[in-house]
PDB file of all heavy atoms in Angstrom:
ATOM      1  N   ASN A   1     -46.262 246.473 -68.675  1.00  0.00           N
ATOM      2  CA  ASN A   1     -46.439 247.616 -67.777  1.00  0.00           C
ATOM      3  C   ASN A   1     -47.758 247.547 -67.014  1.00  0.00           C
ATOM      4  O   ASN A   1     -48.445 248.550 -66.803  1.00  0.00           O
ATOM      5  CB  ASN A   1     -46.338 248.941 -68.549  1.00  0.00           C
ATOM      6  CG  ASN A   1     -46.046 250.116 -67.638  1.00  0.00           C
ATOM      7  OD1 ASN A   1     -45.489 249.955 -66.553  1.00  0.00           O
ATOM      8  ND2 ASN A   1     -46.433 251.310 -68.065  1.00  0.00           N
ATOM      9  N   ILE A   2     -48.102 246.330 -66.565  1.00  0.00           N
ATOM     10  CA  ILE A   2     -49.337 246.111 -65.801  1.00  0.00           C
ATOM     11  C   ILE A   2     -48.950 245.786 -64.359  1.00  0.00           C
ATOM     12  O   ILE A   2     -48.426 244.702 -64.085  1.00  0.00           O
ATOM     13  CB  ILE A   2     -50.166 244.974 -66.419  1.00  0.00           C
ATOM     14  CG1 ILE A   2     -50.591 245.345 -67.844  1.00  0.00           C
ATOM     15  CG2 ILE A   2     -51.371 244.646 -65.555  1.00  0.00           C
ATOM     16  CD1 ILE A   2     -51.209 244.214 -68.624  1.00  0.00           C
ATOM     17  N   PRO A   3     -49.178 246.700 -63.405  1.00  0.00           N
ATOM     18  CA  PRO A   3     -48.706 246.472 -62.027  1.00  0.00           C
ATOM     19  C   PRO A   3     -49.673 245.678 -61.152  1.00  0.00           C
ATOM     20  O   PRO A   3     -49.264 245.093 -60.155  1.00  0.00           O
ATOM     21  CB  PRO A   3     -48.546 247.889 -61.488  1.00  0.00           C
ATOM     22  CG  PRO A   3     -49.605 248.674 -62.216  1.00  0.00           C
ATOM     23  CD  PRO A   3     -49.718 248.055 -63.584  1.00  0.00           C
ATOM     24  N   ARG A   4     -50.960 245.649 -61.501  1.00  0.00           N
ATOM     25  CA  ARG A   4     -51.964 244.936 -60.716  1.00  0.00           C
ATOM     26  C   ARG A   4     -52.883 244.179 -61.671  1.00  0.00           C
ATOM     27  O   ARG A   4     -53.128 244.645 -62.794  1.00  0.00           O
ATOM     28  CB  ARG A   4     -52.790 245.897 -59.852  1.00  0.00           C
ATOM     29  CG  ARG A   4     -51.963 246.654 -58.821  1.00  0.00           C
ATOM     30  CD  ARG A   4     -52.834 247.603 -57.990  1.00  0.00           C
ATOM     31  NE  ARG A   4     -53.783 246.878 -57.148  1.00  0.00           N
ATOM     32  CZ  ARG A   4     -53.499 246.373 -55.953  1.00  0.00           C
ATOM     33  NH1 ARG A   4     -52.285 246.510 -55.445  1.00  0.00           N
ATOM     34  NH2 ARG A   4     -54.408 245.740 -55.251  1.00  0.00           N
ATOM     35  N   VAL A   5     -53.364 243.020 -61.229  1.00  0.00           N
ATOM     36  CA  VAL A   5     -54.199 242.209 -62.114  1.00  0.00           C
ATOM     37  C   VAL A   5     -55.455 241.722 -61.389  1.00  0.00           C
ATOM     38  O   VAL A   5     -55.430 241.452 -60.185  1.00  0.00           O
ATOM     39  CB  VAL A   5     -53.423 240.992 -62.661  1.00  0.00           C
ATOM     40  CG1 VAL A   5     -52.355 241.420 -63.641  1.00  0.00           C
ATOM     41  CG2 VAL A   5     -52.816 240.170 -61.542  1.00  0.00           C
ATOM     42  N   PRO A   6     -56.573 241.606 -62.117  1.00  0.00           N
ATOM     43  CA  PRO A   6     -57.792 241.044 -61.537  1.00  0.00           C
ATOM     44  C   PRO A   6     -57.729 239.520 -61.579  1.00  0.00           C
ATOM     45  O   PRO A   6     -57.455 238.928 -62.631  1.00  0.00           O
ATOM     46  CB  PRO A   6     -58.893 241.576 -62.463  1.00  0.00           C
ATOM     47  CG  PRO A   6     -58.208 241.765 -63.787  1.00  0.00           C
ATOM     48  CD  PRO A   6     -56.782 242.086 -63.502  1.00  0.00           C
ATOM     49  N   VAL A   7     -57.940 238.890 -60.452  1.00  0.00           N
ATOM     50  CA  VAL A   7     -57.905 237.430 -60.370  1.00  0.00           C
ATOM     51  C   VAL A   7     -59.161 236.935 -59.662  1.00  0.00           C
ATOM     52  O   VAL A   7     -59.826 237.678 -58.934  1.00  0.00           O
ATOM     53  CB  VAL A   7     -56.653 236.940 -59.616  1.00  0.00           C
ATOM     54  CG1 VAL A   7     -55.379 237.298 -60.373  1.00  0.00           C
ATOM     55  CG2 VAL A   7     -56.610 237.512 -58.202  1.00  0.00           C
ATOM     56  N   THR A   8     -59.487 235.681 -59.880  1.00  0.00           N
ATOM     57  CA  THR A   8     -60.615 235.076 -59.172  1.00  0.00           C
ATOM     58  C   THR A   8     -60.206 234.784 -57.730  1.00  0.00           C
ATOM     59  O   THR A   8     -59.105 234.294 -57.480  1.00  0.00           O
ATOM     60  CB  THR A   8     -61.041 233.767 -59.852  1.00  0.00           C
ATOM     61  OG1 THR A   8     -61.275 234.018 -61.235  1.00  0.00           O
ATOM     62  CG2 THR A   8     -62.310 233.214 -59.218  1.00  0.00           C
ATOM     63  N   ARG A   9     -61.081 235.110 -56.813  1.00  0.00           N
ATOM     64  CA  ARG A   9     -60.791 234.831 -55.404  1.00  0.00           C
ATOM     65  C   ARG A   9     -60.559 233.339 -55.194  1.00  0.00           C
ATOM     66  O   ARG A   9     -61.223 232.494 -55.792  1.00  0.00           O
ATOM     67  CB  ARG A   9     -61.964 235.299 -54.528  1.00  0.00           C
ATOM     68  CG  ARG A   9     -61.752 235.003 -53.043  1.00  0.00           C
ATOM     69  CD  ARG A   9     -62.838 235.617 -52.187  1.00  0.00           C
ATOM     70  NE  ARG A   9     -64.153 235.051 -52.408  1.00  0.00           N
ATOM     71  CZ  ARG A   9     -64.571 233.886 -51.905  1.00  0.00           C
ATOM     72  NH1 ARG A   9     -63.760 233.136 -51.167  1.00  0.00           N
ATOM     73  NH2 ARG A   9     -65.805 233.456 -52.130  1.00  0.00           N
ATOM     74  N   ARG A  10     -59.596 233.027 -54.349  1.00  0.00           N
ATOM     75  CA  ARG A  10     -59.333 231.623 -54.042  1.00  0.00           C
ATOM     76  C   ARG A  10     -60.513 231.021 -53.269  1.00  0.00           C
ATOM     77  O   ARG A  10     -61.006 231.629 -52.305  1.00  0.00           O
ATOM     78  CB  ARG A  10     -58.085 231.489 -53.170  1.00  0.00           C
ATOM     79  CG  ARG A  10     -56.769 231.842 -53.850  1.00  0.00           C
ATOM     80  CD  ARG A  10     -55.621 231.489 -52.913  1.00  0.00           C
ATOM     81  NE  ARG A  10     -54.345 232.001 -53.365  1.00  0.00           N
ATOM     82  CZ  ARG A  10     -53.538 231.368 -54.217  1.00  0.00           C
ATOM     83  NH1 ARG A  10     -53.929 230.215 -54.724  1.00  0.00           N
ATOM     84  NH2 ARG A  10     -52.376 231.884 -54.568  1.00  0.00           N
ATOM     85  N   PRO A  11     -60.975 229.837 -53.639  1.00  0.00           N
ATOM     86  CA  PRO A  11     -62.028 229.188 -52.851  1.00  0.00           C
ATOM     87  C   PRO A  11     -61.542 228.877 -51.438  1.00  0.00           C
ATOM     88  O   PRO A  11     -60.413 228.425 -51.246  1.00  0.00           O
ATOM     89  CB  PRO A  11     -62.306 227.884 -53.624  1.00  0.00           C
ATOM     90  CG  PRO A  11     -61.768 228.123 -55.000  1.00  0.00           C
ATOM     91  CD  PRO A  11     -60.615 229.053 -54.836  1.00  0.00           C
ATOM     92  N   GLU A  12     -62.395 229.153 -50.473  1.00  0.00           N
ATOM     93  CA  GLU A  12     -62.097 228.815 -49.080  1.00  0.00           C
ATOM     94  C   GLU A  12     -62.701 227.445 -48.788  1.00  0.00           C
ATOM     95  O   GLU A  12     -63.904 227.239 -48.948  1.00  0.00           O
ATOM     96  CB  GLU A  12     -62.701 229.857 -48.135  1.00  0.00           C
ATOM     97  CG  GLU A  12     -62.117 231.251 -48.284  1.00  0.00           C
ATOM     98  CD  GLU A  12     -60.770 231.399 -47.593  1.00  0.00           C
ATOM     99  OE1 GLU A  12     -60.436 230.515 -46.763  1.00  0.00           O
ATOM    100  OE2 GLU A  12     -60.058 232.373 -47.876  1.00  0.00           O
ATOM    101  N   VAL A  13     -61.857 226.507 -48.364  1.00  0.00           N
ATOM    102  CA  VAL A  13     -62.311 225.143 -48.094  1.00  0.00           C
ATOM    103  C   VAL A  13     -62.086 224.825 -46.622  1.00  0.00           C
ATOM    104  O   VAL A  13     -60.989 225.043 -46.091  1.00  0.00           O
ATOM    105  CB  VAL A  13     -61.559 224.112 -48.966  1.00  0.00           C
ATOM    106  CG1 VAL A  13     -62.118 222.707 -48.732  1.00  0.00           C
ATOM    107  CG2 VAL A  13     -61.648 224.484 -50.447  1.00  0.00           C
ATOM    108  N   ALA A  14     -63.125 224.329 -45.971  1.00  0.00           N
ATOM    109  CA  ALA A  14     -63.021 223.881 -44.582  1.00  0.00           C
ATOM    110  C   ALA A  14     -62.942 222.360 -44.568  1.00  0.00           C
ATOM    111  O   ALA A  14     -63.777 221.680 -45.160  1.00  0.00           O
ATOM    112  CB  ALA A  14     -64.230 224.354 -43.776  1.00  0.00           C
ATOM    113  N   LEU A  15     -61.914 221.833 -43.907  1.00  0.00           N
ATOM    114  CA  LEU A  15     -61.685 220.387 -43.849  1.00  0.00           C
ATOM    115  C   LEU A  15     -62.001 219.870 -42.449  1.00  0.00           C
ATOM    116  O   LEU A  15     -61.437 220.349 -41.464  1.00  0.00           O
ATOM    117  CB  LEU A  15     -60.235 220.062 -44.201  1.00  0.00           C
ATOM    118  CG  LEU A  15     -59.807 220.377 -45.637  1.00  0.00           C
ATOM    119  CD1 LEU A  15     -58.295 220.267 -45.772  1.00  0.00           C
ATOM    120  CD2 LEU A  15     -60.492 219.447 -46.616  1.00  0.00           C
ATOM    121  N   ILE A  16     -62.895 218.877 -42.375  1.00  0.00           N
ATOM    122  CA  ILE A  16     -63.325 218.333 -41.089  1.00  0.00           C
ATOM    123  C   ILE A  16     -63.104 216.825 -41.087  1.00  0.00           C
ATOM    124  O   ILE A  16     -63.779 216.083 -41.805  1.00  0.00           O
ATOM    125  CB  ILE A  16     -64.817 218.618 -40.816  1.00  0.00           C
ATOM    126  CG1 ILE A  16     -65.124 220.119 -40.920  1.00  0.00           C
ATOM    127  CG2 ILE A  16     -65.227 218.055 -39.461  1.00  0.00           C
ATOM    128  CD1 ILE A  16     -66.614 220.429 -40.865  1.00  0.00           C
ATOM    129  N   SER A  17     -62.146 216.374 -40.272  1.00  0.00           N
ATOM    130  CA  SER A  17     -61.996 214.930 -40.061  1.00  0.00           C
ATOM    131  C   SER A  17     -62.920 214.511 -38.929  1.00  0.00           C
ATOM    132  O   SER A  17     -63.114 215.257 -37.959  1.00  0.00           O
ATOM    133  CB  SER A  17     -60.552 214.584 -39.701  1.00  0.00           C
ATOM    134  OG  SER A  17     -59.743 214.572 -40.852  1.00  0.00           O
ATOM    135  N   THR A  18     -63.499 213.322 -39.061  1.00  0.00           N
ATOM    136  CA  THR A  18     -64.441 212.852 -38.043  1.00  0.00           C
ATOM    137  C   THR A  18     -64.013 211.488 -37.513  1.00  0.00           C
ATOM    138  O   THR A  18     -63.459 210.670 -38.243  1.00  0.00           O
ATOM    139  CB  THR A  18     -65.863 212.735 -38.631  1.00  0.00           C
ATOM    140  OG1 THR A  18     -65.904 211.649 -39.568  1.00  0.00           O
ATOM    141  CG2 THR A  18     -66.274 214.013 -39.330  1.00  0.00           C
ATOM    142  N   GLY A  19     -64.279 211.265 -36.225  1.00  0.00           N
ATOM    143  CA  GLY A  19     -64.035 209.943 -35.661  1.00  0.00           C
ATOM    144  C   GLY A  19     -63.348 209.989 -34.313  1.00  0.00           C
ATOM    145  O   GLY A  19     -62.388 210.728 -34.116  1.00  0.00           O
ATOM    146  N   ASP A  20     -63.838 209.177 -33.373  1.00  0.00           N
ATOM    147  CA  ASP A  20     -63.225 209.095 -32.047  1.00  0.00           C
ATOM    148  C   ASP A  20     -61.831 208.487 -32.105  1.00  0.00           C
ATOM    149  O   ASP A  20     -61.021 208.685 -31.188  1.00  0.00           O
ATOM    150  CB  ASP A  20     -64.090 208.225 -31.119  1.00  0.00           C
ATOM    151  CG  ASP A  20     -65.376 208.927 -30.716  1.00  0.00           C
ATOM    152  OD1 ASP A  20     -65.446 210.159 -30.867  1.00  0.00           O
ATOM    153  OD2 ASP A  20     -66.304 208.234 -30.251  1.00  0.00           O
ATOM    154  N   GLU A  21     -61.541 207.746 -33.178  1.00  0.00           N
ATOM    155  CA  GLU A  21     -60.249 207.056 -33.273  1.00  0.00           C
ATOM    156  C   GLU A  21     -59.107 207.966 -33.703  1.00  0.00           C
ATOM    157  O   GLU A  21     -57.942 207.563 -33.687  1.00  0.00           O
ATOM    158  CB  GLU A  21     -60.357 205.886 -34.267  1.00  0.00           C
ATOM    159  CG  GLU A  21     -60.378 206.267 -35.743  1.00  0.00           C
ATOM    160  CD  GLU A  21     -61.738 206.727 -36.245  1.00  0.00           C
ATOM    161  OE1 GLU A  21     -62.633 207.004 -35.417  1.00  0.00           O
ATOM    162  OE2 GLU A  21     -61.905 206.808 -37.478  1.00  0.00           O
ATOM    163  N   LEU A  22     -59.411 209.211 -34.066  1.00  0.00           N
ATOM    164  CA  LEU A  22     -58.398 210.088 -34.653  1.00  0.00           C
ATOM    165  C   LEU A  22     -57.752 211.016 -33.627  1.00  0.00           C
ATOM    166  O   LEU A  22     -58.387 211.453 -32.666  1.00  0.00           O
ATOM    167  CB  LEU A  22     -59.033 210.943 -35.748  1.00  0.00           C
ATOM    168  CG  LEU A  22     -59.640 210.204 -36.945  1.00  0.00           C
ATOM    169  CD1 LEU A  22     -60.270 211.205 -37.897  1.00  0.00           C
ATOM    170  CD2 LEU A  22     -58.589 209.369 -37.658  1.00  0.00           C
ATOM    171  N   MET A  23     -56.494 211.336 -33.893  1.00  0.00           N
ATOM    172  CA  MET A  23     -55.823 212.401 -33.163  1.00  0.00           C
ATOM    173  C   MET A  23     -54.834 213.072 -34.103  1.00  0.00           C
ATOM    174  O   MET A  23     -54.404 212.490 -35.102  1.00  0.00           O
ATOM    175  CB  MET A  23     -55.132 211.886 -31.908  1.00  0.00           C
ATOM    176  CG  MET A  23     -53.894 211.071 -32.121  1.00  0.00           C
ATOM    177  SD  MET A  23     -53.068 210.751 -30.556  1.00  0.00           S
ATOM    178  CE  MET A  23     -52.818 212.409 -29.941  1.00  0.00           C
ATOM    179  N   MET A  24     -54.483 214.312 -33.783  1.00  0.00           N
ATOM    180  CA  MET A  24     -53.611 215.088 -34.649  1.00  0.00           C
ATOM    181  C   MET A  24     -52.175 214.561 -34.593  1.00  0.00           C
ATOM    182  O   MET A  24     -51.750 214.000 -33.581  1.00  0.00           O
ATOM    183  CB  MET A  24     -53.636 216.560 -34.236  1.00  0.00           C
ATOM    184  CG  MET A  24     -54.888 217.302 -34.670  1.00  0.00           C
ATOM    185  SD  MET A  24     -54.990 217.421 -36.474  1.00  0.00           S
ATOM    186  CE  MET A  24     -56.237 218.709 -36.630  1.00  0.00           C
ATOM    187  N   PRO A  25     -51.415 214.757 -35.683  1.00  0.00           N
ATOM    188  CA  PRO A  25     -50.008 214.358 -35.678  1.00  0.00           C
ATOM    189  C   PRO A  25     -49.241 215.058 -34.562  1.00  0.00           C
ATOM    190  O   PRO A  25     -49.495 216.221 -34.249  1.00  0.00           O
ATOM    191  CB  PRO A  25     -49.505 214.819 -37.049  1.00  0.00           C
ATOM    192  CG  PRO A  25     -50.723 214.902 -37.903  1.00  0.00           C
ATOM    193  CD  PRO A  25     -51.831 215.308 -36.987  1.00  0.00           C
ATOM    194  N   GLY A  26     -48.291 214.339 -33.951  1.00  0.00           N
ATOM    195  CA  GLY A  26     -47.458 214.901 -32.899  1.00  0.00           C
ATOM    196  C   GLY A  26     -47.885 214.513 -31.509  1.00  0.00           C
ATOM    197  O   GLY A  26     -47.129 214.683 -30.556  1.00  0.00           O
ATOM    198  N   GLY A  27     -49.103 213.986 -31.389  1.00  0.00           N
ATOM    199  CA  GLY A  27     -49.584 213.577 -30.078  1.00  0.00           C
ATOM    200  C   GLY A  27     -49.186 212.144 -29.755  1.00  0.00           C
ATOM    201  O   GLY A  27     -48.445 211.501 -30.492  1.00  0.00           O
ATOM    202  N   THR A  28     -49.703 211.652 -28.649  1.00  0.00           N
ATOM    203  CA  THR A  28     -49.462 210.264 -28.246  1.00  0.00           C
ATOM    204  C   THR A  28     -50.786 209.515 -28.324  1.00  0.00           C
ATOM    205  O   THR A  28     -51.643 209.662 -27.444  1.00  0.00           O
ATOM    206  CB  THR A  28     -48.906 210.194 -26.812  1.00  0.00           C
ATOM    207  OG1 THR A  28     -47.710 210.979 -26.739  1.00  0.00           O
ATOM    208  CG2 THR A  28     -48.589 208.757 -26.428  1.00  0.00           C
ATOM    209  N   PRO A  29     -50.984 208.752 -29.400  1.00  0.00           N
ATOM    210  CA  PRO A  29     -52.268 208.078 -29.568  1.00  0.00           C
ATOM    211  C   PRO A  29     -52.473 206.968 -28.540  1.00  0.00           C
ATOM    212  O   PRO A  29     -51.517 206.331 -28.082  1.00  0.00           O
ATOM    213  CB  PRO A  29     -52.185 207.505 -30.985  1.00  0.00           C
ATOM    214  CG  PRO A  29     -50.721 207.366 -31.258  1.00  0.00           C
ATOM    215  CD  PRO A  29     -50.050 208.471 -30.505  1.00  0.00           C
ATOM    216  N   GLY A  30     -53.736 206.772 -28.174  1.00  0.00           N
ATOM    217  CA  GLY A  30     -54.078 205.667 -27.310  1.00  0.00           C
ATOM    218  C   GLY A  30     -53.983 204.356 -28.071  1.00  0.00           C
ATOM    219  O   GLY A  30     -53.751 204.330 -29.279  1.00  0.00           O
ATOM    220  N   PRO A  31     -54.199 203.246 -27.395  1.00  0.00           N
ATOM    221  CA  PRO A  31     -54.045 201.929 -28.030  1.00  0.00           C
ATOM    222  C   PRO A  31     -55.052 201.674 -29.152  1.00  0.00           C
ATOM    223  O   PRO A  31     -54.817 200.820 -30.000  1.00  0.00           O
ATOM    224  CB  PRO A  31     -54.249 200.950 -26.870  1.00  0.00           C
ATOM    225  CG  PRO A  31     -55.000 201.730 -25.832  1.00  0.00           C
ATOM    226  CD  PRO A  31     -54.555 203.142 -25.974  1.00  0.00           C
ATOM    227  N   ASP A  32     -56.139 202.429 -29.171  1.00  0.00           N
ATOM    228  CA  ASP A  32     -57.159 202.220 -30.208  1.00  0.00           C
ATOM    229  C   ASP A  32     -57.312 203.450 -31.106  1.00  0.00           C
ATOM    230  O   ASP A  32     -58.364 203.664 -31.704  1.00  0.00           O
ATOM    231  CB  ASP A  32     -58.502 201.854 -29.573  1.00  0.00           C
ATOM    232  CG  ASP A  32     -58.945 202.864 -28.511  1.00  0.00           C
ATOM    233  OD1 ASP A  32     -58.170 203.805 -28.234  1.00  0.00           O
ATOM    234  OD2 ASP A  32     -60.057 202.707 -27.967  1.00  0.00           O
ATOM    235  N   GLN A  33     -56.270 204.266 -31.178  1.00  0.00           N
ATOM    236  CA  GLN A  33     -56.347 205.487 -31.986  1.00  0.00           C
ATOM    237  C   GLN A  33     -55.347 205.464 -33.136  1.00  0.00           C
ATOM    238  O   GLN A  33     -54.344 204.738 -33.100  1.00  0.00           O
ATOM    239  CB  GLN A  33     -56.085 206.726 -31.114  1.00  0.00           C
ATOM    240  CG  GLN A  33     -57.234 207.077 -30.184  1.00  0.00           C
ATOM    241  CD  GLN A  33     -57.016 208.415 -29.504  1.00  0.00           C
ATOM    242  OE1 GLN A  33     -56.010 208.610 -28.837  1.00  0.00           O
ATOM    243  NE2 GLN A  33     -57.964 209.334 -29.694  1.00  0.00           N
ATOM    244  N   ILE A  34     -55.634 206.268 -34.162  1.00  0.00           N
ATOM    245  CA  ILE A  34     -54.738 206.441 -35.294  1.00  0.00           C
ATOM    246  C   ILE A  34     -54.549 207.941 -35.540  1.00  0.00           C
ATOM    247  O   ILE A  34     -55.296 208.762 -34.993  1.00  0.00           O
ATOM    248  CB  ILE A  34     -55.274 205.763 -36.578  1.00  0.00           C
ATOM    249  CG1 ILE A  34     -56.647 206.338 -36.947  1.00  0.00           C
ATOM    250  CG2 ILE A  34     -55.343 204.250 -36.413  1.00  0.00           C
ATOM    251  CD1 ILE A  34     -57.198 205.827 -38.275  1.00  0.00           C
ATOM    252  N   ILE A  35     -53.561 208.276 -36.363  1.00  0.00           N
ATOM    253  CA  ILE A  35     -53.266 209.678 -36.655  1.00  0.00           C
ATOM    254  C   ILE A  35     -54.133 210.152 -37.816  1.00  0.00           C
ATOM    255  O   ILE A  35     -54.294 209.456 -38.824  1.00  0.00           O
ATOM    256  CB  ILE A  35     -51.777 209.863 -37.003  1.00  0.00           C
ATOM    257  CG1 ILE A  35     -50.898 209.305 -35.878  1.00  0.00           C
ATOM    258  CG2 ILE A  35     -51.464 211.327 -37.260  1.00  0.00           C
ATOM    259  CD1 ILE A  35     -51.105 209.973 -34.548  1.00  0.00           C
ATOM    260  N   ALA A  36     -54.678 211.356 -37.692  1.00  0.00           N
ATOM    261  CA  ALA A  36     -55.483 211.953 -38.767  1.00  0.00           C
ATOM    262  C   ALA A  36     -54.544 212.421 -39.879  1.00  0.00           C
ATOM    263  O   ALA A  36     -53.822 213.401 -39.716  1.00  0.00           O
ATOM    264  CB  ALA A  36     -56.303 213.123 -38.232  1.00  0.00           C
ATOM    265  N   SER A  37     -54.540 211.711 -40.974  1.00  0.00           N
ATOM    266  CA  SER A  37     -53.643 212.042 -42.090  1.00  0.00           C
ATOM    267  C   SER A  37     -54.385 212.676 -43.259  1.00  0.00           C
ATOM    268  O   SER A  37     -53.807 213.471 -44.006  1.00  0.00           O
ATOM    269  CB  SER A  37     -52.927 210.781 -42.578  1.00  0.00           C
ATOM    270  OG  SER A  37     -53.875 209.804 -42.999  1.00  0.00           O
ATOM    271  N   ASN A  38     -55.658 212.332 -43.408  1.00  0.00           N
ATOM    272  CA  ASN A  38     -56.404 212.764 -44.598  1.00  0.00           C
ATOM    273  C   ASN A  38     -56.466 214.274 -44.753  1.00  0.00           C
ATOM    274  O   ASN A  38     -56.287 214.804 -45.860  1.00  0.00           O
ATOM    275  CB  ASN A  38     -57.836 212.218 -44.550  1.00  0.00           C
ATOM    276  CG  ASN A  38     -57.886 210.715 -44.641  1.00  0.00           C
ATOM    277  OD1 ASN A  38     -56.935 210.086 -45.111  1.00  0.00           O
ATOM    278  ND2 ASN A  38     -58.975 210.126 -44.200  1.00  0.00           N
ATOM    279  N   THR A  39     -56.745 214.974 -43.659  1.00  0.00           N
ATOM    280  CA  THR A  39     -56.907 216.420 -43.769  1.00  0.00           C
ATOM    281  C   THR A  39     -55.621 217.092 -44.234  1.00  0.00           C
ATOM    282  O   THR A  39     -55.662 218.063 -44.997  1.00  0.00           O
ATOM    283  CB  THR A  39     -57.347 217.032 -42.427  1.00  0.00           C
ATOM    284  OG1 THR A  39     -56.643 216.383 -41.370  1.00  0.00           O
ATOM    285  CG2 THR A  39     -58.834 216.888 -42.209  1.00  0.00           C
ATOM    286  N   PHE A  40     -54.491 216.563 -43.819  1.00  0.00           N
ATOM    287  CA  PHE A  40     -53.221 217.170 -44.211  1.00  0.00           C
ATOM    288  C   PHE A  40     -52.915 216.910 -45.684  1.00  0.00           C
ATOM    289  O   PHE A  40     -52.451 217.797 -46.404  1.00  0.00           O
ATOM    290  CB  PHE A  40     -52.095 216.658 -43.302  1.00  0.00           C
ATOM    291  CG  PHE A  40     -52.220 217.149 -41.890  1.00  0.00           C
ATOM    292  CD1 PHE A  40     -52.969 216.443 -40.961  1.00  0.00           C
ATOM    293  CD2 PHE A  40     -51.624 218.339 -41.502  1.00  0.00           C
ATOM    294  CE1 PHE A  40     -53.115 216.904 -39.660  1.00  0.00           C
ATOM    295  CE2 PHE A  40     -51.764 218.814 -40.207  1.00  0.00           C
ATOM    296  CZ  PHE A  40     -52.511 218.099 -39.285  1.00  0.00           C
ATOM    297  N   GLY A  41     -53.183 215.682 -46.127  1.00  0.00           N
ATOM    298  CA  GLY A  41     -53.001 215.388 -47.545  1.00  0.00           C
ATOM    299  C   GLY A  41     -53.953 216.186 -48.419  1.00  0.00           C
ATOM    300  O   GLY A  41     -53.564 216.715 -49.465  1.00  0.00           O
ATOM    301  N   LEU A  42     -55.200 216.295 -47.981  1.00  0.00           N
ATOM    302  CA  LEU A  42     -56.191 217.035 -48.769  1.00  0.00           C
ATOM    303  C   LEU A  42     -55.892 218.532 -48.776  1.00  0.00           C
ATOM    304  O   LEU A  42     -56.092 219.201 -49.790  1.00  0.00           O
ATOM    305  CB  LEU A  42     -57.596 216.776 -48.224  1.00  0.00           C
ATOM    306  CG  LEU A  42     -58.146 215.382 -48.519  1.00  0.00           C
ATOM    307  CD1 LEU A  42     -59.379 215.102 -47.666  1.00  0.00           C
ATOM    308  CD2 LEU A  42     -58.493 215.234 -50.009  1.00  0.00           C
ATOM    309  N   LYS A  43     -55.418 219.064 -47.657  1.00  0.00           N
ATOM    310  CA  LYS A  43     -55.046 220.483 -47.630  1.00  0.00           C
ATOM    311  C   LYS A  43     -53.956 220.766 -48.662  1.00  0.00           C
ATOM    312  O   LYS A  43     -54.042 221.727 -49.437  1.00  0.00           O
ATOM    313  CB  LYS A  43     -54.569 220.879 -46.234  1.00  0.00           C
ATOM    314  CG  LYS A  43     -54.042 222.328 -46.139  1.00  0.00           C
ATOM    315  CD  LYS A  43     -53.593 222.652 -44.722  1.00  0.00           C
ATOM    316  CE  LYS A  43     -52.815 223.957 -44.650  1.00  0.00           C
ATOM    317  NZ  LYS A  43     -53.621 225.141 -45.015  1.00  0.00           N
ATOM    318  N   ALA A  44     -52.925 219.924 -48.684  1.00  0.00           N
ATOM    319  CA  ALA A  44     -51.847 220.106 -49.654  1.00  0.00           C
ATOM    320  C   ALA A  44     -52.378 219.987 -51.083  1.00  0.00           C
ATOM    321  O   ALA A  44     -52.014 220.766 -51.972  1.00  0.00           O
ATOM    322  CB  ALA A  44     -50.753 219.079 -49.406  1.00  0.00           C
ATOM    323  N   MET A  45     -53.246 219.026 -51.305  1.00  0.00           N
ATOM    324  CA  MET A  45     -53.809 218.820 -52.641  1.00  0.00           C
ATOM    325  C   MET A  45     -54.657 220.015 -53.071  1.00  0.00           C
ATOM    326  O   MET A  45     -54.490 220.553 -54.178  1.00  0.00           O
ATOM    327  CB  MET A  45     -54.674 217.550 -52.648  1.00  0.00           C
ATOM    328  CG  MET A  45     -55.358 217.268 -53.978  1.00  0.00           C
ATOM    329  SD  MET A  45     -56.520 215.889 -53.876  1.00  0.00           S
ATOM    330  CE  MET A  45     -55.399 214.519 -53.650  1.00  0.00           C
TER     331      MET A  45
END
């Protein structure tokens, strides 16, 4: 019969990928670019 519970606040994490070679998924990368995958994997993790 407990309708509300005290919980620890979720940590807020900011993810920053760096590099001129990166672009977000869904775009059209240039000949010297790759897709930024790390931030998406780390966000899920």
